[in-house]
């Protein structure tokens, strides 16, 4: 299935190929403030329909995550996650035609990122 999405004003538009079976909600300071519902996809399944020049980007801490957002309305339809920098993390709330009430939502303890990431990867912390 192909999903289309955008920021609020429509300046940043995306297209994603795949099936949204479940999403992740993170409790870190960034995701909590943005209200992000994460769907991490391979880069080959993601297409930015807008010129990259339309994006604003925020980085912090390790600088690995690239928090892209619309410089006009401030909404973030996607970003490059620290957990999977070779993939794209799509904000499912920005996609058209997704019924959020039917999605399974898993939790990720981003407030304790290193320990949660180690557990996610199956490593002892």
PDB file of N, CA and C in Angstrom:
ATOM      1  N   UNK A   1       0.851  -1.177   0.000  1.00  0.00           N
ATOM      2  CA  UNK A   1       0.000   0.000   0.000  1.00  0.00           C
ATOM      3  C   UNK A   1       0.892   1.233   0.000  1.00  0.00           C
ATOM      4  N   UNK A   2       0.446   2.266  -0.689  1.00  0.00           N
ATOM      5  CA  UNK A   2       1.173   3.526  -0.720  1.00  0.00           C
ATOM      6  C   UNK A   2       0.397   4.561   0.071  1.00  0.00           C
ATOM      7  N   UNK A   3       1.087   5.175   1.037  1.00  0.00           N
ATOM      8  CA  UNK A   3       0.495   6.235   1.849  1.00  0.00           C
ATOM      9  C   UNK A   3       1.130   7.554   1.461  1.00  0.00           C
ATOM     10  N   UNK A   4       0.317   8.589   1.451  1.00  0.00           N
ATOM     11  CA  UNK A   4       0.820   9.945   1.252  1.00  0.00           C
ATOM     12  C   UNK A   4       0.591  10.716   2.534  1.00  0.00           C
ATOM     13  N   UNK A   5       1.461  11.658   2.779  1.00  0.00           N
ATOM     14  CA  UNK A   5       1.332  12.459   3.983  1.00  0.00           C
ATOM     15  C   UNK A   5       1.992  13.808   3.796  1.00  0.00           C
ATOM     16  N   UNK A   6       1.828  14.638   4.807  1.00  0.00           N
ATOM     17  CA  UNK A   6       2.404  15.981   4.721  1.00  0.00           C
ATOM     18  C   UNK A   6       2.435  16.631   6.098  1.00  0.00           C
ATOM     19  N   UNK A   7       3.096  17.778   6.116  1.00  0.00           N
ATOM     20  CA  UNK A   7       3.023  18.639   7.289  1.00  0.00           C
ATOM     21  C   UNK A   7       1.650  19.317   7.273  1.00  0.00           C
ATOM     22  N   UNK A   8       1.392  20.221   8.186  1.00  0.00           N
ATOM     23  CA  UNK A   8       0.084  20.875   8.263  1.00  0.00           C
ATOM     24  C   UNK A   8      -0.212  21.756   7.050  1.00  0.00           C
ATOM     25  N   UNK A   9       0.770  22.526   6.615  1.00  0.00           N
ATOM     26  CA  UNK A   9       0.526  23.461   5.506  1.00  0.00           C
ATOM     27  C   UNK A   9       0.697  22.807   4.133  1.00  0.00           C
ATOM     28  N   UNK A  10       1.227  21.586   4.086  1.00  0.00           N
ATOM     29  CA  UNK A  10       1.387  20.874   2.826  1.00  0.00           C
ATOM     30  C   UNK A  10       2.687  21.166   2.099  1.00  0.00           C
ATOM     31  N   UNK A  11       3.537  21.975   2.679  1.00  0.00           N
ATOM     32  CA  UNK A  11       4.795  22.323   2.032  1.00  0.00           C
ATOM     33  C   UNK A  11       5.756  21.124   1.976  1.00  0.00           C
ATOM     34  N   UNK A  12       5.754  20.290   3.041  1.00  0.00           N
ATOM     35  CA  UNK A  12       6.573  19.076   3.078  1.00  0.00           C
ATOM     36  C   UNK A  12       5.643  17.893   2.843  1.00  0.00           C
ATOM     37  N   UNK A  13       5.859  17.205   1.712  1.00  0.00           N
ATOM     38  CA  UNK A  13       5.010  16.085   1.340  1.00  0.00           C
ATOM     39  C   UNK A  13       5.847  14.816   1.217  1.00  0.00           C
ATOM     40  N   UNK A  14       5.253  13.701   1.648  1.00  0.00           N
ATOM     41  CA  UNK A  14       5.959  12.422   1.626  1.00  0.00           C
ATOM     42  C   UNK A  14       5.080  11.323   1.053  1.00  0.00           C
ATOM     43  N   UNK A  15       5.731  10.228   0.679  1.00  0.00           N
ATOM     44  CA  UNK A  15       5.037   9.032   0.224  1.00  0.00           C
ATOM     45  C   UNK A  15       5.770   7.844   0.847  1.00  0.00           C
ATOM     46  N   UNK A  16       5.000   6.876   1.357  1.00  0.00           N
ATOM     47  CA  UNK A  16       5.586   5.713   2.016  1.00  0.00           C
ATOM     48  C   UNK A  16       4.911   4.450   1.503  1.00  0.00           C
ATOM     49  N   UNK A  17       5.728   3.459   1.187  1.00  0.00           N
ATOM     50  CA  UNK A  17       5.239   2.173   0.700  1.00  0.00           C
ATOM     51  C   UNK A  17       5.336   1.159   1.830  1.00  0.00           C
ATOM     52  N   UNK A  18       4.252   0.429   2.080  1.00  0.00           N
ATOM     53  CA  UNK A  18       4.273  -0.602   3.107  1.00  0.00           C
ATOM     54  C   UNK A  18       2.926  -0.752   3.772  1.00  0.00           C
ATOM     55  N   UNK A  19       2.909  -1.513   4.832  1.00  0.00           N
ATOM     56  CA  UNK A  19       1.681  -1.734   5.591  1.00  0.00           C
ATOM     57  C   UNK A  19       1.906  -1.309   7.036  1.00  0.00           C
ATOM     58  N   UNK A  20       1.118  -0.370   7.505  1.00  0.00           N
ATOM     59  CA  UNK A  20       1.220   0.092   8.884  1.00  0.00           C
ATOM     60  C   UNK A  20       0.481  -0.912   9.763  1.00  0.00           C
ATOM     61  N   UNK A  21       1.230  -1.795  10.404  1.00  0.00           N
ATOM     62  CA  UNK A  21       0.622  -2.806  11.263  1.00  0.00           C
ATOM     63  C   UNK A  21       0.628  -2.367  12.720  1.00  0.00           C
ATOM     64  N   UNK A  22       1.625  -1.618  13.087  1.00  0.00           N
ATOM     65  CA  UNK A  22       1.748  -1.138  14.455  1.00  0.00           C
ATOM     66  C   UNK A  22       2.691   0.042  14.490  1.00  0.00           C
ATOM     67  N   UNK A  23       2.618   0.790  15.553  1.00  0.00           N
ATOM     68  CA  UNK A  23       3.447   1.976  15.705  1.00  0.00           C
ATOM     69  C   UNK A  23       4.075   1.976  17.090  1.00  0.00           C
ATOM     70  N   UNK A  24       5.020   2.862  17.282  1.00  0.00           N
ATOM     71  CA  UNK A  24       5.697   2.979  18.568  1.00  0.00           C
ATOM     72  C   UNK A  24       5.516   4.393  19.095  1.00  0.00           C
ATOM     73  N   UNK A  25       5.232   4.470  20.375  1.00  0.00           N
ATOM     74  CA  UNK A  25       5.134   5.761  21.061  1.00  0.00           C
ATOM     75  C   UNK A  25       6.305   5.824  22.040  1.00  0.00           C
ATOM     76  N   UNK A  26       7.066   6.889  21.955  1.00  0.00           N
ATOM     77  CA  UNK A  26       8.263   7.072  22.780  1.00  0.00           C
ATOM     78  C   UNK A  26       8.002   8.171  23.811  1.00  0.00           C
ATOM     79  N   UNK A  27       8.568   7.994  25.011  1.00  0.00           N
ATOM     80  CA  UNK A  27       8.338   8.976  26.069  1.00  0.00           C
ATOM     81  C   UNK A  27       9.505   9.951  26.256  1.00  0.00           C
ATOM     82  N   UNK A  28      10.421  10.036  25.279  1.00  0.00           N
ATOM     83  CA  UNK A  28      11.532  10.983  25.403  1.00  0.00           C
ATOM     84  C   UNK A  28      11.004  12.420  25.301  1.00  0.00           C
ATOM     85  N   UNK A  29      11.851  13.365  25.658  1.00  0.00           N
ATOM     86  CA  UNK A  29      11.431  14.773  25.672  1.00  0.00           C
ATOM     87  C   UNK A  29      11.010  15.259  24.289  1.00  0.00           C
ATOM     88  N   UNK A  30      11.683  14.816  23.235  1.00  0.00           N
ATOM     89  CA  UNK A  30      11.366  15.257  21.878  1.00  0.00           C
ATOM     90  C   UNK A  30      10.041  14.664  21.398  1.00  0.00           C
ATOM     91  N   UNK A  31       9.909  13.346  21.479  1.00  0.00           N
ATOM     92  CA  UNK A  31       8.712  12.677  20.956  1.00  0.00           C
ATOM     93  C   UNK A  31       7.454  13.036  21.742  1.00  0.00           C
ATOM     94  N   UNK A  32       7.603  13.212  23.049  1.00  0.00           N
ATOM     95  CA  UNK A  32       6.461  13.608  23.873  1.00  0.00           C
ATOM     96  C   UNK A  32       5.935  14.964  23.433  1.00  0.00           C
ATOM     97  N   UNK A  33       6.838  15.880  23.189  1.00  0.00           N
ATOM     98  CA  UNK A  33       6.422  17.226  22.776  1.00  0.00           C
ATOM     99  C   UNK A  33       5.837  17.245  21.364  1.00  0.00           C
ATOM    100  N   UNK A  34       6.370  16.380  20.481  1.00  0.00           N
ATOM    101  CA  UNK A  34       5.884  16.355  19.097  1.00  0.00           C
ATOM    102  C   UNK A  34       4.637  15.494  18.923  1.00  0.00           C
ATOM    103  N   UNK A  35       4.339  14.601  19.871  1.00  0.00           N
ATOM    104  CA  UNK A  35       3.197  13.707  19.720  1.00  0.00           C
ATOM    105  C   UNK A  35       3.402  12.683  18.622  1.00  0.00           C
ATOM    106  N   UNK A  36       4.635  12.302  18.410  1.00  0.00           N
ATOM    107  CA  UNK A  36       5.015  11.401  17.329  1.00  0.00           C
ATOM    108  C   UNK A  36       4.489   9.985  17.522  1.00  0.00           C
ATOM    109  N   UNK A  37       3.981   9.373  16.477  1.00  0.00           N
ATOM    110  CA  UNK A  37       3.693   7.937  16.428  1.00  0.00           C
ATOM    111  C   UNK A  37       4.613   7.379  15.347  1.00  0.00           C
ATOM    112  N   UNK A  38       5.580   6.566  15.767  1.00  0.00           N
ATOM    113  CA  UNK A  38       6.675   6.122  14.909  1.00  0.00           C
ATOM    114  C   UNK A  38       6.353   4.891  14.076  1.00  0.00           C
ATOM    115  N   UNK A  39       6.711   4.973  12.807  1.00  0.00           N
ATOM    116  CA  UNK A  39       6.706   3.837  11.894  1.00  0.00           C
ATOM    117  C   UNK A  39       8.030   3.898  11.149  1.00  0.00           C
ATOM    118  N   UNK A  40       8.964   3.035  11.518  1.00  0.00           N
ATOM    119  CA  UNK A  40      10.290   3.056  10.913  1.00  0.00           C
ATOM    120  C   UNK A  40      10.285   2.155   9.683  1.00  0.00           C
ATOM    121  N   UNK A  41      10.693   2.743   8.547  1.00  0.00           N
ATOM    122  CA  UNK A  41      10.664   2.034   7.264  1.00  0.00           C
ATOM    123  C   UNK A  41      12.037   2.087   6.599  1.00  0.00           C
ATOM    124  N   UNK A  42      12.321   1.145   5.704  1.00  0.00           N
ATOM    125  CA  UNK A  42      13.562   1.223   4.926  1.00  0.00           C
ATOM    126  C   UNK A  42      13.558   2.488   4.060  1.00  0.00           C
ATOM    127  N   UNK A  43      14.713   3.039   3.807  1.00  0.00           N
ATOM    128  CA  UNK A  43      14.774   4.244   2.962  1.00  0.00           C
ATOM    129  C   UNK A  43      14.172   4.003   1.581  1.00  0.00           C
ATOM    130  N   UNK A  44      14.267   2.773   1.105  1.00  0.00           N
ATOM    131  CA  UNK A  44      13.718   2.444  -0.214  1.00  0.00           C
ATOM    132  C   UNK A  44      12.189   2.521  -0.242  1.00  0.00           C
ATOM    133  N   UNK A  45      11.540   2.490   0.923  1.00  0.00           N
ATOM    134  CA  UNK A  45      10.078   2.566   1.004  1.00  0.00           C
ATOM    135  C   UNK A  45       9.585   3.998   1.177  1.00  0.00           C
ATOM    136  N   UNK A  46      10.510   4.939   1.305  1.00  0.00           N
ATOM    137  CA  UNK A  46      10.170   6.330   1.592  1.00  0.00           C
ATOM    138  C   UNK A  46      10.553   7.225   0.423  1.00  0.00           C
ATOM    139  N   UNK A  47       9.686   8.204   0.158  1.00  0.00           N
ATOM    140  CA  UNK A  47      10.006   9.176  -0.882  1.00  0.00           C
ATOM    141  C   UNK A  47       9.593  10.572  -0.418  1.00  0.00           C
ATOM    142  N   UNK A  48      10.538  11.484  -0.429  1.00  0.00           N
ATOM    143  CA  UNK A  48      10.259  12.889  -0.141  1.00  0.00           C
ATOM    144  C   UNK A  48       9.799  13.521  -1.443  1.00  0.00           C
ATOM    145  N   UNK A  49       8.577  14.040  -1.467  1.00  0.00           N
ATOM    146  CA  UNK A  49       7.994  14.609  -2.688  1.00  0.00           C
ATOM    147  C   UNK A  49       8.278  16.096  -2.818  1.00  0.00           C
ATOM    148  N   UNK A  50       8.944  16.639  -1.844  1.00  0.00           N
ATOM    149  CA  UNK A  50       9.246  18.064  -1.751  1.00  0.00           C
ATOM    150  C   UNK A  50      10.759  18.244  -1.851  1.00  0.00           C
ATOM    151  N   UNK A  51      11.246  19.307  -2.425  1.00  0.00           N
ATOM    152  CA  UNK A  51      12.693  19.537  -2.419  1.00  0.00           C
ATOM    153  C   UNK A  51      13.234  19.609  -0.982  1.00  0.00           C
ATOM    154  N   UNK A  52      14.417  19.031  -0.765  1.00  0.00           N
ATOM    155  CA  UNK A  52      15.018  19.047   0.567  1.00  0.00           C
ATOM    156  C   UNK A  52      15.204  20.460   1.098  1.00  0.00           C
ATOM    157  N   UNK A  53      15.284  21.419   0.220  1.00  0.00           N
ATOM    158  CA  UNK A  53      15.464  22.811   0.638  1.00  0.00           C
ATOM    159  C   UNK A  53      14.265  23.333   1.436  1.00  0.00           C
ATOM    160  N   UNK A  54      13.136  22.648   1.365  1.00  0.00           N
ATOM    161  CA  UNK A  54      11.942  23.041   2.121  1.00  0.00           C
ATOM    162  C   UNK A  54      12.009  22.576   3.578  1.00  0.00           C
ATOM    163  N   UNK A  55      12.979  21.709   3.910  1.00  0.00           N
ATOM    164  CA  UNK A  55      13.089  21.166   5.263  1.00  0.00           C
ATOM    165  C   UNK A  55      13.949  22.038   6.159  1.00  0.00           C
ATOM    166  N   UNK A  56      13.567  22.084   7.405  1.00  0.00           N
ATOM    167  CA  UNK A  56      14.431  22.600   8.460  1.00  0.00           C
ATOM    168  C   UNK A  56      14.830  21.381   9.267  1.00  0.00           C
ATOM    169  N   UNK A  57      16.007  21.415   9.877  1.00  0.00           N
ATOM    170  CA  UNK A  57      16.499  20.250  10.603  1.00  0.00           C
ATOM    171  C   UNK A  57      17.058  20.656  11.948  1.00  0.00           C
ATOM    172  N   UNK A  58      16.711  19.868  12.956  1.00  0.00           N
ATOM    173  CA  UNK A  58      17.202  20.076  14.316  1.00  0.00           C
ATOM    174  C   UNK A  58      17.959  18.831  14.750  1.00  0.00           C
ATOM    175  N   UNK A  59      19.146  19.005  15.312  1.00  0.00           N
ATOM    176  CA  UNK A  59      19.908  17.896  15.878  1.00  0.00           C
ATOM    177  C   UNK A  59      20.343  18.292  17.285  1.00  0.00           C
ATOM    178  N   UNK A  60      20.592  17.295  18.113  1.00  0.00           N
ATOM    179  CA  UNK A  60      21.079  17.549  19.472  1.00  0.00           C
ATOM    180  C   UNK A  60      21.781  16.303  19.970  1.00  0.00           C
ATOM    181  N   UNK A  61      22.367  16.374  21.158  1.00  0.00           N
ATOM    182  CA  UNK A  61      23.039  15.250  21.797  1.00  0.00           C
ATOM    183  C   UNK A  61      24.077  14.647  20.862  1.00  0.00           C
ATOM    184  N   UNK A  62      23.906  13.420  20.384  1.00  0.00           N
ATOM    185  CA  UNK A  62      24.895  12.757  19.535  1.00  0.00           C
ATOM    186  C   UNK A  62      24.906  13.292  18.106  1.00  0.00           C
ATOM    187  N   UNK A  63      23.853  13.975  17.688  1.00  0.00           N
ATOM    188  CA  UNK A  63      23.766  14.520  16.336  1.00  0.00           C
ATOM    189  C   UNK A  63      23.399  13.494  15.274  1.00  0.00           C
ATOM    190  N   UNK A  64      23.169  12.237  15.673  1.00  0.00           N
ATOM    191  CA  UNK A  64      22.835  11.188  14.708  1.00  0.00           C
ATOM    192  C   UNK A  64      21.421  11.380  14.169  1.00  0.00           C
ATOM    193  N   UNK A  65      20.478  11.624  15.048  1.00  0.00           N
ATOM    194  CA  UNK A  65      19.091  11.839  14.620  1.00  0.00           C
ATOM    195  C   UNK A  65      18.988  13.181  13.894  1.00  0.00           C
ATOM    196  N   UNK A  66      18.286  13.172  12.785  1.00  0.00           N
ATOM    197  CA  UNK A  66      18.044  14.392  12.005  1.00  0.00           C
ATOM    198  C   UNK A  66      16.546  14.665  12.057  1.00  0.00           C
ATOM    199  N   UNK A  67      16.157  15.560  12.946  1.00  0.00           N
ATOM    200  CA  UNK A  67      14.744  15.883  13.148  1.00  0.00           C
ATOM    201  C   UNK A  67      14.317  16.918  12.112  1.00  0.00           C
ATOM    202  N   UNK A  68      13.796  16.419  10.987  1.00  0.00           N
ATOM    203  CA  UNK A  68      13.340  17.290   9.904  1.00  0.00           C
ATOM    204  C   UNK A  68      11.928  17.781  10.203  1.00  0.00           C
ATOM    205  N   UNK A  69      11.664  19.026   9.824  1.00  0.00           N
ATOM    206  CA  UNK A  69      10.331  19.590  10.003  1.00  0.00           C
ATOM    207  C   UNK A  69      10.119  20.710   9.002  1.00  0.00           C
ATOM    208  N   UNK A  70       8.885  21.109   8.851  1.00  0.00           N
ATOM    209  CA  UNK A  70       8.539  22.202   7.952  1.00  0.00           C
ATOM    210  C   UNK A  70       8.882  23.523   8.620  1.00  0.00           C
ATOM    211  N   UNK A  71       9.642  24.337   7.935  1.00  0.00           N
ATOM    212  CA  UNK A  71      10.013  25.646   8.461  1.00  0.00           C
ATOM    213  C   UNK A  71       8.865  26.632   8.473  1.00  0.00           C
ATOM    214  N   UNK A  72       7.774  26.320   7.800  1.00  0.00           N
ATOM    215  CA  UNK A  72       6.612  27.204   7.776  1.00  0.00           C
ATOM    216  C   UNK A  72       5.643  26.886   8.908  1.00  0.00           C
ATOM    217  N   UNK A  73       5.195  25.616   9.003  1.00  0.00           N
ATOM    218  CA  UNK A  73       4.182  25.278  10.023  1.00  0.00           C
ATOM    219  C   UNK A  73       4.760  24.540  11.229  1.00  0.00           C
ATOM    220  N   UNK A  74       5.998  24.052  11.123  1.00  0.00           N
ATOM    221  CA  UNK A  74       6.655  23.404  12.253  1.00  0.00           C
ATOM    222  C   UNK A  74       6.367  21.929  12.438  1.00  0.00           C
ATOM    223  N   UNK A  75       5.548  21.340  11.580  1.00  0.00           N
ATOM    224  CA  UNK A  75       5.175  19.929  11.738  1.00  0.00           C
ATOM    225  C   UNK A  75       6.250  19.020  11.143  1.00  0.00           C
ATOM    226  N   UNK A  76       6.439  17.869  11.800  1.00  0.00           N
ATOM    227  CA  UNK A  76       7.470  16.903  11.412  1.00  0.00           C
ATOM    228  C   UNK A  76       6.835  15.617  10.887  1.00  0.00           C
ATOM    229  N   UNK A  77       6.726  15.458   9.563  1.00  0.00           N
ATOM    230  CA  UNK A  77       6.162  14.230   9.016  1.00  0.00           C
ATOM    231  C   UNK A  77       7.128  13.044   9.060  1.00  0.00           C
ATOM    232  N   UNK A  78       8.438  13.310   9.193  1.00  0.00           N
ATOM    233  CA  UNK A  78       9.427  12.235   9.226  1.00  0.00           C
ATOM    234  C   UNK A  78      10.742  12.755   9.797  1.00  0.00           C
ATOM    235  N   UNK A  79      11.605  11.814  10.167  1.00  0.00           N
ATOM    236  CA  UNK A  79      12.973  12.168  10.539  1.00  0.00           C
ATOM    237  C   UNK A  79      13.866  10.946  10.419  1.00  0.00           C
ATOM    238  N   UNK A  80      15.154  11.154  10.551  1.00  0.00           N
ATOM    239  CA  UNK A  80      16.124  10.064  10.539  1.00  0.00           C
ATOM    240  C   UNK A  80      16.422   9.736  11.998  1.00  0.00           C
ATOM    241  N   UNK A  81      16.071   8.526  12.456  1.00  0.00           N
ATOM    242  CA  UNK A  81      16.182   8.206  13.873  1.00  0.00           C
ATOM    243  C   UNK A  81      17.585   7.779  14.306  1.00  0.00           C
ATOM    244  N   UNK A  82      17.922   8.108  15.518  1.00  0.00           N
ATOM    245  CA  UNK A  82      19.184   7.673  16.109  1.00  0.00           C
ATOM    246  C   UNK A  82      19.234   6.144  16.206  1.00  0.00           C
ATOM    247  N   UNK A  83      18.106   5.525  16.494  1.00  0.00           N
ATOM    248  CA  UNK A  83      18.046   4.072  16.665  1.00  0.00           C
ATOM    249  C   UNK A  83      18.315   3.317  15.371  1.00  0.00           C
ATOM    250  N   UNK A  84      17.916   3.894  14.239  1.00  0.00           N
ATOM    251  CA  UNK A  84      18.053   3.249  12.932  1.00  0.00           C
ATOM    252  C   UNK A  84      18.404   4.308  11.887  1.00  0.00           C
ATOM    253  N   UNK A  85      19.632   4.840  11.913  1.00  0.00           N
ATOM    254  CA  UNK A  85      19.967   5.955  11.014  1.00  0.00           C
ATOM    255  C   UNK A  85      19.982   5.596   9.535  1.00  0.00           C
ATOM    256  N   UNK A  86      19.909   4.313   9.213  1.00  0.00           N
ATOM    257  CA  UNK A  86      19.845   3.882   7.818  1.00  0.00           C
ATOM    258  C   UNK A  86      18.408   3.774   7.321  1.00  0.00           C
ATOM    259  N   UNK A  87      17.453   4.141   8.183  1.00  0.00           N
ATOM    260  CA  UNK A  87      16.031   4.061   7.837  1.00  0.00           C
ATOM    261  C   UNK A  87      15.382   5.436   8.010  1.00  0.00           C
ATOM    262  N   UNK A  88      14.076   5.491   7.788  1.00  0.00           N
ATOM    263  CA  UNK A  88      13.305   6.715   7.954  1.00  0.00           C
ATOM    264  C   UNK A  88      12.193   6.447   8.951  1.00  0.00           C
ATOM    265  N   UNK A  89      12.014   7.362   9.875  1.00  0.00           N
ATOM    266  CA  UNK A  89      10.958   7.251  10.882  1.00  0.00           C
ATOM    267  C   UNK A  89       9.823   8.191  10.470  1.00  0.00           C
ATOM    268  N   UNK A  90       8.705   7.605  10.111  1.00  0.00           N
ATOM    269  CA  UNK A  90       7.546   8.358   9.618  1.00  0.00           C
ATOM    270  C   UNK A  90       6.587   8.610  10.772  1.00  0.00           C
ATOM    271  N   UNK A  91       6.098   9.836  10.869  1.00  0.00           N
ATOM    272  CA  UNK A  91       5.086  10.179  11.861  1.00  0.00           C
ATOM    273  C   UNK A  91       3.725   9.787  11.276  1.00  0.00           C
ATOM    274  N   UNK A  92       3.178   8.682  11.760  1.00  0.00           N
ATOM    275  CA  UNK A  92       1.932   8.139  11.217  1.00  0.00           C
ATOM    276  C   UNK A  92       0.785   9.139  11.340  1.00  0.00           C
ATOM    277  N   UNK A  93       0.863  10.033  12.311  1.00  0.00           N
ATOM    278  CA  UNK A  93      -0.184  11.059  12.451  1.00  0.00           C
ATOM    279  C   UNK A  93      -0.247  11.989  11.244  1.00  0.00           C
ATOM    280  N   UNK A  94       0.805  12.012  10.432  1.00  0.00           N
ATOM    281  CA  UNK A  94       0.855  12.887   9.256  1.00  0.00           C
ATOM    282  C   UNK A  94       0.429  12.191   7.968  1.00  0.00           C
ATOM    283  N   UNK A  95       0.082  10.905   8.052  1.00  0.00           N
ATOM    284  CA  UNK A  95      -0.325  10.164   6.856  1.00  0.00           C
ATOM    285  C   UNK A  95      -1.832  10.229   6.643  1.00  0.00           C
ATOM    286  N   UNK A  96      -2.235  10.284   5.401  1.00  0.00           N
ATOM    287  CA  UNK A  96      -3.651  10.288   5.043  1.00  0.00           C
ATOM    288  C   UNK A  96      -4.173   8.854   5.042  1.00  0.00           C
ATOM    289  N   UNK A  97      -5.402   8.670   5.490  1.00  0.00           N
ATOM    290  CA  UNK A  97      -6.085   7.389   5.372  1.00  0.00           C
ATOM    291  C   UNK A  97      -5.676   6.324   6.371  1.00  0.00           C
ATOM    292  N   UNK A  98      -5.011   6.704   7.458  1.00  0.00           N
ATOM    293  CA  UNK A  98      -4.648   5.733   8.488  1.00  0.00           C
ATOM    294  C   UNK A  98      -5.575   5.920   9.676  1.00  0.00           C
ATOM    295  N   UNK A  99      -6.300   4.871  10.031  1.00  0.00           N
ATOM    296  CA  UNK A  99      -7.188   4.921  11.196  1.00  0.00           C
ATOM    297  C   UNK A  99      -6.366   4.561  12.427  1.00  0.00           C
ATOM    298  N   UNK A 100      -5.963   5.574  13.168  1.00  0.00           N
ATOM    299  CA  UNK A 100      -5.093   5.363  14.329  1.00  0.00           C
ATOM    300  C   UNK A 100      -5.728   4.489  15.396  1.00  0.00           C
ATOM    301  N   UNK A 101      -7.046   4.465  15.478  1.00  0.00           N
ATOM    302  CA  UNK A 101      -7.722   3.681  16.512  1.00  0.00           C
ATOM    303  C   UNK A 101      -7.574   2.167  16.299  1.00  0.00           C
ATOM    304  N   UNK A 102      -7.171   1.764  15.096  1.00  0.00           N
ATOM    305  CA  UNK A 102      -7.008   0.338  14.799  1.00  0.00           C
ATOM    306  C   UNK A 102      -5.552  -0.135  14.866  1.00  0.00           C
ATOM    307  N   UNK A 103      -4.643   0.739  15.241  1.00  0.00           N
ATOM    308  CA  UNK A 103      -3.236   0.376  15.278  1.00  0.00           C
ATOM    309  C   UNK A 103      -2.807  -0.086  16.668  1.00  0.00           C
ATOM    310  N   UNK A 104      -1.973  -1.096  16.687  1.00  0.00           N
ATOM    311  CA  UNK A 104      -1.362  -1.524  17.937  1.00  0.00           C
ATOM    312  C   UNK A 104      -0.229  -0.539  18.238  1.00  0.00           C
ATOM    313  N   UNK A 105      -0.219  -0.019  19.464  1.00  0.00           N
ATOM    314  CA  UNK A 105       0.790   0.961  19.861  1.00  0.00           C
ATOM    315  C   UNK A 105       1.702   0.342  20.912  1.00  0.00           C
ATOM    316  N   UNK A 106       2.973   0.198  20.568  1.00  0.00           N
ATOM    317  CA  UNK A 106       3.977  -0.298  21.509  1.00  0.00           C
ATOM    318  C   UNK A 106       4.665   0.903  22.152  1.00  0.00           C
ATOM    319  N   UNK A 107       5.227   0.699  23.317  1.00  0.00           N
ATOM    320  CA  UNK A 107       5.921   1.773  24.026  1.00  0.00           C
ATOM    321  C   UNK A 107       7.428   1.582  23.945  1.00  0.00           C
ATOM    322  N   UNK A 108       8.138   2.706  23.867  1.00  0.00           N
ATOM    323  CA  UNK A 108       9.598   2.708  23.918  1.00  0.00           C
ATOM    324  C   UNK A 108      10.008   3.710  24.988  1.00  0.00           C
ATOM    325  N   UNK A 109      10.879   3.292  25.903  1.00  0.00           N
ATOM    326  CA  UNK A 109      11.309   4.141  27.007  1.00  0.00           C
ATOM    327  C   UNK A 109      12.469   5.041  26.588  1.00  0.00           C
ATOM    328  N   UNK A 110      12.150   6.063  25.848  1.00  0.00           N
ATOM    329  CA  UNK A 110      13.162   6.991  25.362  1.00  0.00           C
ATOM    330  C   UNK A 110      13.791   7.839  26.449  1.00  0.00           C
ATOM    331  N   UNK A 111      13.153   7.929  27.611  1.00  0.00           N
ATOM    332  CA  UNK A 111      13.761   8.652  28.732  1.00  0.00           C
ATOM    333  C   UNK A 111      15.001   7.917  29.221  1.00  0.00           C
ATOM    334  N   UNK A 112      15.062   6.617  28.978  1.00  0.00           N
ATOM    335  CA  UNK A 112      16.214   5.772  29.302  1.00  0.00           C
ATOM    336  C   UNK A 112      16.688   5.105  28.017  1.00  0.00           C
ATOM    337  N   UNK A 113      17.050   5.933  27.037  1.00  0.00           N
ATOM    338  CA  UNK A 113      17.288   5.515  25.663  1.00  0.00           C
ATOM    339  C   UNK A 113      18.293   4.375  25.530  1.00  0.00           C
ATOM    340  N   UNK A 114      19.467   4.499  26.124  1.00  0.00           N
ATOM    341  CA  UNK A 114      20.510   3.483  25.955  1.00  0.00           C
ATOM    342  C   UNK A 114      20.040   2.112  26.444  1.00  0.00           C
ATOM    343  N   UNK A 115      19.451   2.059  27.636  1.00  0.00           N
ATOM    344  CA  UNK A 115      18.970   0.784  28.191  1.00  0.00           C
ATOM    345  C   UNK A 115      17.823   0.226  27.349  1.00  0.00           C
ATOM    346  N   UNK A 116      16.905   1.081  26.926  1.00  0.00           N
ATOM    347  CA  UNK A 116      15.768   0.627  26.117  1.00  0.00           C
ATOM    348  C   UNK A 116      16.227   0.144  24.754  1.00  0.00           C
ATOM    349  N   UNK A 117      17.196   0.817  24.177  1.00  0.00           N
ATOM    350  CA  UNK A 117      17.719   0.410  22.864  1.00  0.00           C
ATOM    351  C   UNK A 117      18.458  -0.933  22.981  1.00  0.00           C
ATOM    352  N   UNK A 118      19.221  -1.118  24.047  1.00  0.00           N
ATOM    353  CA  UNK A 118      19.908  -2.386  24.272  1.00  0.00           C
ATOM    354  C   UNK A 118      18.893  -3.524  24.415  1.00  0.00           C
ATOM    355  N   UNK A 119      17.813  -3.256  25.140  1.00  0.00           N
ATOM    356  CA  UNK A 119      16.765  -4.267  25.314  1.00  0.00           C
ATOM    357  C   UNK A 119      16.082  -4.554  23.972  1.00  0.00           C
ATOM    358  N   UNK A 120      15.818  -3.526  23.186  1.00  0.00           N
ATOM    359  CA  UNK A 120      15.194  -3.678  21.882  1.00  0.00           C
ATOM    360  C   UNK A 120      16.061  -4.552  20.968  1.00  0.00           C
ATOM    361  N   UNK A 121      17.343  -4.365  21.054  1.00  0.00           N
ATOM    362  CA  UNK A 121      18.282  -5.110  20.213  1.00  0.00           C
ATOM    363  C   UNK A 121      18.612  -6.488  20.797  1.00  0.00           C
ATOM    364  N   UNK A 122      18.090  -6.771  22.033  1.00  0.00           N
ATOM    365  CA  UNK A 122      18.313  -8.072  22.635  1.00  0.00           C
ATOM    366  C   UNK A 122      19.614  -8.203  23.383  1.00  0.00           C
ATOM    367  N   UNK A 123      20.185  -7.068  23.797  1.00  0.00           N
ATOM    368  CA  UNK A 123      21.431  -7.079  24.550  1.00  0.00           C
ATOM    369  C   UNK A 123      21.157  -6.770  26.016  1.00  0.00           C
ATOM    370  N   UNK A 124      21.909  -7.331  26.884  1.00  0.00           N
ATOM    371  CA  UNK A 124      21.803  -7.001  28.313  1.00  0.00           C
ATOM    372  C   UNK A 124      22.385  -5.614  28.529  1.00  0.00           C
ATOM    373  N   UNK A 125      21.811  -4.875  29.448  1.00  0.00           N
ATOM    374  CA  UNK A 125      22.331  -3.540  29.708  1.00  0.00           C
ATOM    375  C   UNK A 125      23.107  -3.469  30.994  1.00  0.00           C
TER     376      UNK A 125
END
